[in-house]
Amino acid sequence: MRIASARPHAGRLLVRFEGIGSPEAVERLRGFDLCAFPGDEPERPEGFVYFHEARGLQAVFPDGRPIGMVTELMDVAGRPVLVVATPRGEREVPFTGPLVVSVDLAERRIVLDPPPGLLD
């Protein structure tokens, strides 16, 4: 299938495929995974991070103290969640503001501001 367009919508990426024009046709795709080869992705909306890009980001607190490394960005009940390997084990952090302060893909760094207890 070919992607005709993609745009942010209600905190998610709304994707339209060539040749899929009715709600019934879209419904048949429910539950399928969408995959693309690196370099074949649609243009990235402002602030958007692809799941494969998050893997390996160094997670730090706003003051620069290290938290750990992102091992995965996954979908949990329709919401993105970071899995961060910390010295105390893996922790799941919702991938949403204000928890995610910034993502710098060029520097391979993500700044997180978790509430007390989230990483315990």
C-alpha atoms as a PDB file:
ATOM      1  CA  MET A   1       0.000   0.000   0.000  1.00  0.00           C
ATOM      2  CA  ARG A   2       1.113   3.553  -0.629  1.00  0.00           C
ATOM      3  CA  ILE A   3       0.591   6.446   1.759  1.00  0.00           C
ATOM      4  CA  ALA A   4      -1.287   9.291   0.088  1.00  0.00           C
ATOM      5  CA  SER A   5      -0.966  11.736   3.001  1.00  0.00           C
ATOM      6  CA  ALA A   6      -0.288  11.978   6.723  1.00  0.00           C
ATOM      7  CA  ARG A   7      -1.038  14.681   9.261  1.00  0.00           C
ATOM      8  CA  PRO A   8      -1.355  15.066  13.036  1.00  0.00           C
ATOM      9  CA  HIS A   9      -4.876  14.671  14.413  1.00  0.00           C
ATOM     10  CA  ALA A  10      -5.898  14.559  18.090  1.00  0.00           C
ATOM     11  CA  GLY A  11      -2.391  13.598  19.243  1.00  0.00           C
ATOM     12  CA  ARG A  12      -1.950  10.858  16.640  1.00  0.00           C
ATOM     13  CA  LEU A  13      -0.871  10.599  13.046  1.00  0.00           C
ATOM     14  CA  LEU A  14      -3.785  10.384  10.617  1.00  0.00           C
ATOM     15  CA  VAL A  15      -2.705   8.413   7.551  1.00  0.00           C
ATOM     16  CA  ARG A  16      -4.596   8.160   4.250  1.00  0.00           C
ATOM     17  CA  PHE A  17      -3.732   5.388   1.808  1.00  0.00           C
ATOM     18  CA  GLU A  18      -4.093   5.431  -1.943  1.00  0.00           C
ATOM     19  CA  GLY A  19      -7.123   3.403  -3.010  1.00  0.00           C
ATOM     20  CA  ILE A  20      -8.734   3.316   0.452  1.00  0.00           C
ATOM     21  CA  GLY A  21     -11.631   5.731   0.312  1.00  0.00           C
ATOM     22  CA  SER A  22     -14.487   4.411   2.418  1.00  0.00           C
ATOM     23  CA  PRO A  23     -14.976   3.732   6.134  1.00  0.00           C
ATOM     24  CA  GLU A  24     -15.705   0.088   5.291  1.00  0.00           C
ATOM     25  CA  ALA A  25     -12.390  -0.293   3.463  1.00  0.00           C
ATOM     26  CA  VAL A  26     -10.533   1.314   6.357  1.00  0.00           C
ATOM     27  CA  GLU A  27     -12.268  -0.948   8.883  1.00  0.00           C
ATOM     28  CA  ARG A  28     -10.808  -4.020   7.162  1.00  0.00           C
ATOM     29  CA  LEU A  29      -7.340  -2.690   8.060  1.00  0.00           C
ATOM     30  CA  ARG A  30      -8.054  -2.508  11.811  1.00  0.00           C
ATOM     31  CA  GLY A  31      -5.461  -4.367  13.859  1.00  0.00           C
ATOM     32  CA  PHE A  32      -2.788  -4.368  11.154  1.00  0.00           C
ATOM     33  CA  ASP A  33       0.643  -2.872  11.795  1.00  0.00           C
ATOM     34  CA  LEU A  34       1.927  -0.089   9.578  1.00  0.00           C
ATOM     35  CA  CYS A  35       5.566  -0.487   8.605  1.00  0.00           C
ATOM     36  CA  ALA A  36       7.819   1.545   6.341  1.00  0.00           C
ATOM     37  CA  PHE A  37      11.475   1.291   5.464  1.00  0.00           C
ATOM     38  CA  PRO A  38      13.657   4.071   6.919  1.00  0.00           C
ATOM     39  CA  GLY A  39      13.777   6.797   4.305  1.00  0.00           C
ATOM     40  CA  ASP A  40      10.328   5.919   2.941  1.00  0.00           C
ATOM     41  CA  GLU A  41       8.404   7.596   5.765  1.00  0.00           C
ATOM     42  CA  PRO A  42       6.019  10.447   4.993  1.00  0.00           C
ATOM     43  CA  GLU A  43       7.171  13.941   5.905  1.00  0.00           C
ATOM     44  CA  ARG A  44       7.412  14.220   9.670  1.00  0.00           C
ATOM     45  CA  PRO A  45       4.884  16.541  11.333  1.00  0.00           C
ATOM     46  CA  GLU A  46       6.358  19.105  13.732  1.00  0.00           C
ATOM     47  CA  GLY A  47       7.354  17.442  17.000  1.00  0.00           C
ATOM     48  CA  PHE A  48       6.664  13.907  15.746  1.00  0.00           C
ATOM     49  CA  VAL A  49       9.038  11.039  16.567  1.00  0.00           C
ATOM     50  CA  TYR A  50       8.902   7.714  14.758  1.00  0.00           C
ATOM     51  CA  PHE A  51       8.955   4.669  17.033  1.00  0.00           C
ATOM     52  CA  HIS A  52      12.248   3.386  15.597  1.00  0.00           C
ATOM     53  CA  GLU A  53      13.931   6.770  16.189  1.00  0.00           C
ATOM     54  CA  ALA A  54      13.309   6.699  19.948  1.00  0.00           C
ATOM     55  CA  ARG A  55      15.278   3.497  20.517  1.00  0.00           C
ATOM     56  CA  GLY A  56      18.718   4.375  21.905  1.00  0.00           C
ATOM     57  CA  LEU A  57      17.923   7.933  23.014  1.00  0.00           C
ATOM     58  CA  GLN A  58      19.654   8.947  26.242  1.00  0.00           C
ATOM     59  CA  ALA A  59      17.003  10.017  28.751  1.00  0.00           C
ATOM     60  CA  VAL A  60      17.965  12.833  31.118  1.00  0.00           C
ATOM     61  CA  PHE A  61      16.267  15.033  33.694  1.00  0.00           C
ATOM     62  CA  PRO A  62      15.820  18.748  32.881  1.00  0.00           C
ATOM     63  CA  ASP A  63      18.981  19.527  34.887  1.00  0.00           C
ATOM     64  CA  GLY A  64      20.985  17.073  32.734  1.00  0.00           C
ATOM     65  CA  ARG A  65      21.265  14.215  35.242  1.00  0.00           C
ATOM     66  CA  PRO A  66      21.064  10.858  33.449  1.00  0.00           C
ATOM     67  CA  ILE A  67      17.979   8.671  33.755  1.00  0.00           C
ATOM     68  CA  GLY A  68      18.825   5.838  31.388  1.00  0.00           C
ATOM     69  CA  MET A  69      18.414   4.716  27.794  1.00  0.00           C
ATOM     70  CA  VAL A  70      15.189   4.402  25.816  1.00  0.00           C
ATOM     71  CA  THR A  71      14.882   0.784  24.719  1.00  0.00           C
ATOM     72  CA  GLU A  72      11.500   1.119  23.054  1.00  0.00           C
ATOM     73  CA  LEU A  73       8.660   3.427  22.159  1.00  0.00           C
ATOM     74  CA  MET A  74       5.513   1.322  22.102  1.00  0.00           C
ATOM     75  CA  ASP A  75       1.785   1.703  21.751  1.00  0.00           C
ATOM     76  CA  VAL A  76      -0.266   0.905  24.862  1.00  0.00           C
ATOM     77  CA  ALA A  77      -4.015   1.178  24.389  1.00  0.00           C
ATOM     78  CA  GLY A  78      -3.529   3.715  21.621  1.00  0.00           C
ATOM     79  CA  ARG A  79      -1.078   5.871  23.569  1.00  0.00           C
ATOM     80  CA  PRO A  80       2.707   6.066  23.070  1.00  0.00           C
ATOM     81  CA  VAL A  81       4.806   4.896  26.010  1.00  0.00           C
ATOM     82  CA  LEU A  82       8.592   5.027  26.389  1.00  0.00           C
ATOM     83  CA  VAL A  83      10.419   2.091  27.938  1.00  0.00           C
ATOM     84  CA  VAL A  84      13.501   3.441  29.691  1.00  0.00           C
ATOM     85  CA  ALA A  85      16.262   1.185  31.039  1.00  0.00           C
ATOM     86  CA  THR A  86      17.290   2.770  34.355  1.00  0.00           C
ATOM     87  CA  PRO A  87      19.740   1.539  37.014  1.00  0.00           C
ATOM     88  CA  ARG A  88      16.650   0.263  38.907  1.00  0.00           C
ATOM     89  CA  GLY A  89      15.276  -1.625  35.904  1.00  0.00           C
ATOM     90  CA  GLU A  90      12.955  -0.797  33.029  1.00  0.00           C
ATOM     91  CA  ARG A  91      10.390   1.942  33.608  1.00  0.00           C
ATOM     92  CA  GLU A  92       7.469   2.951  31.415  1.00  0.00           C
ATOM     93  CA  VAL A  93       6.951   6.665  30.845  1.00  0.00           C
ATOM     94  CA  PRO A  94       3.991   8.074  28.921  1.00  0.00           C
ATOM     95  CA  PHE A  95       5.291   9.836  25.806  1.00  0.00           C
ATOM     96  CA  THR A  96       3.383  13.046  26.358  1.00  0.00           C
ATOM     97  CA  GLY A  97       3.875  16.575  27.623  1.00  0.00           C
ATOM     98  CA  PRO A  98       4.653  17.747  30.226  1.00  0.00           C
ATOM     99  CA  LEU A  99       6.575  14.515  30.993  1.00  0.00           C
ATOM    100  CA  VAL A 100       8.504  14.789  27.722  1.00  0.00           C
ATOM    101  CA  VAL A 101      10.171  18.195  27.765  1.00  0.00           C
ATOM    102  CA  SER A 102      12.124  17.853  24.525  1.00  0.00           C
ATOM    103  CA  VAL A 103      13.496  15.368  22.018  1.00  0.00           C
ATOM    104  CA  ASP A 104      16.724  16.057  20.161  1.00  0.00           C
ATOM    105  CA  LEU A 105      17.194  13.357  17.539  1.00  0.00           C
ATOM    106  CA  ALA A 106      20.450  14.852  16.290  1.00  0.00           C
ATOM    107  CA  GLU A 107      21.963  14.688  19.792  1.00  0.00           C
ATOM    108  CA  ARG A 108      20.153  11.355  20.531  1.00  0.00           C
ATOM    109  CA  ARG A 109      18.737  12.823  23.747  1.00  0.00           C
ATOM    110  CA  ILE A 110      15.319  13.098  25.359  1.00  0.00           C
ATOM    111  CA  VAL A 111      14.604  15.323  28.357  1.00  0.00           C
ATOM    112  CA  LEU A 112      12.005  13.934  30.751  1.00  0.00           C
ATOM    113  CA  ASP A 113      10.386  15.627  33.741  1.00  0.00           C
ATOM    114  CA  PRO A 114       8.629  12.745  35.527  1.00  0.00           C
ATOM    115  CA  PRO A 115       6.568  13.303  38.661  1.00  0.00           C
ATOM    116  CA  PRO A 116       7.966  11.956  41.935  1.00  0.00           C
ATOM    117  CA  GLY A 117       7.643   8.181  42.134  1.00  0.00           C
ATOM    118  CA  LEU A 118       7.251   7.429  38.435  1.00  0.00           C
ATOM    119  CA  LEU A 119      10.794   6.085  38.088  1.00  0.00           C
ATOM    120  CA  ASP A 120      11.009   4.399  41.535  1.00  0.00           C
END
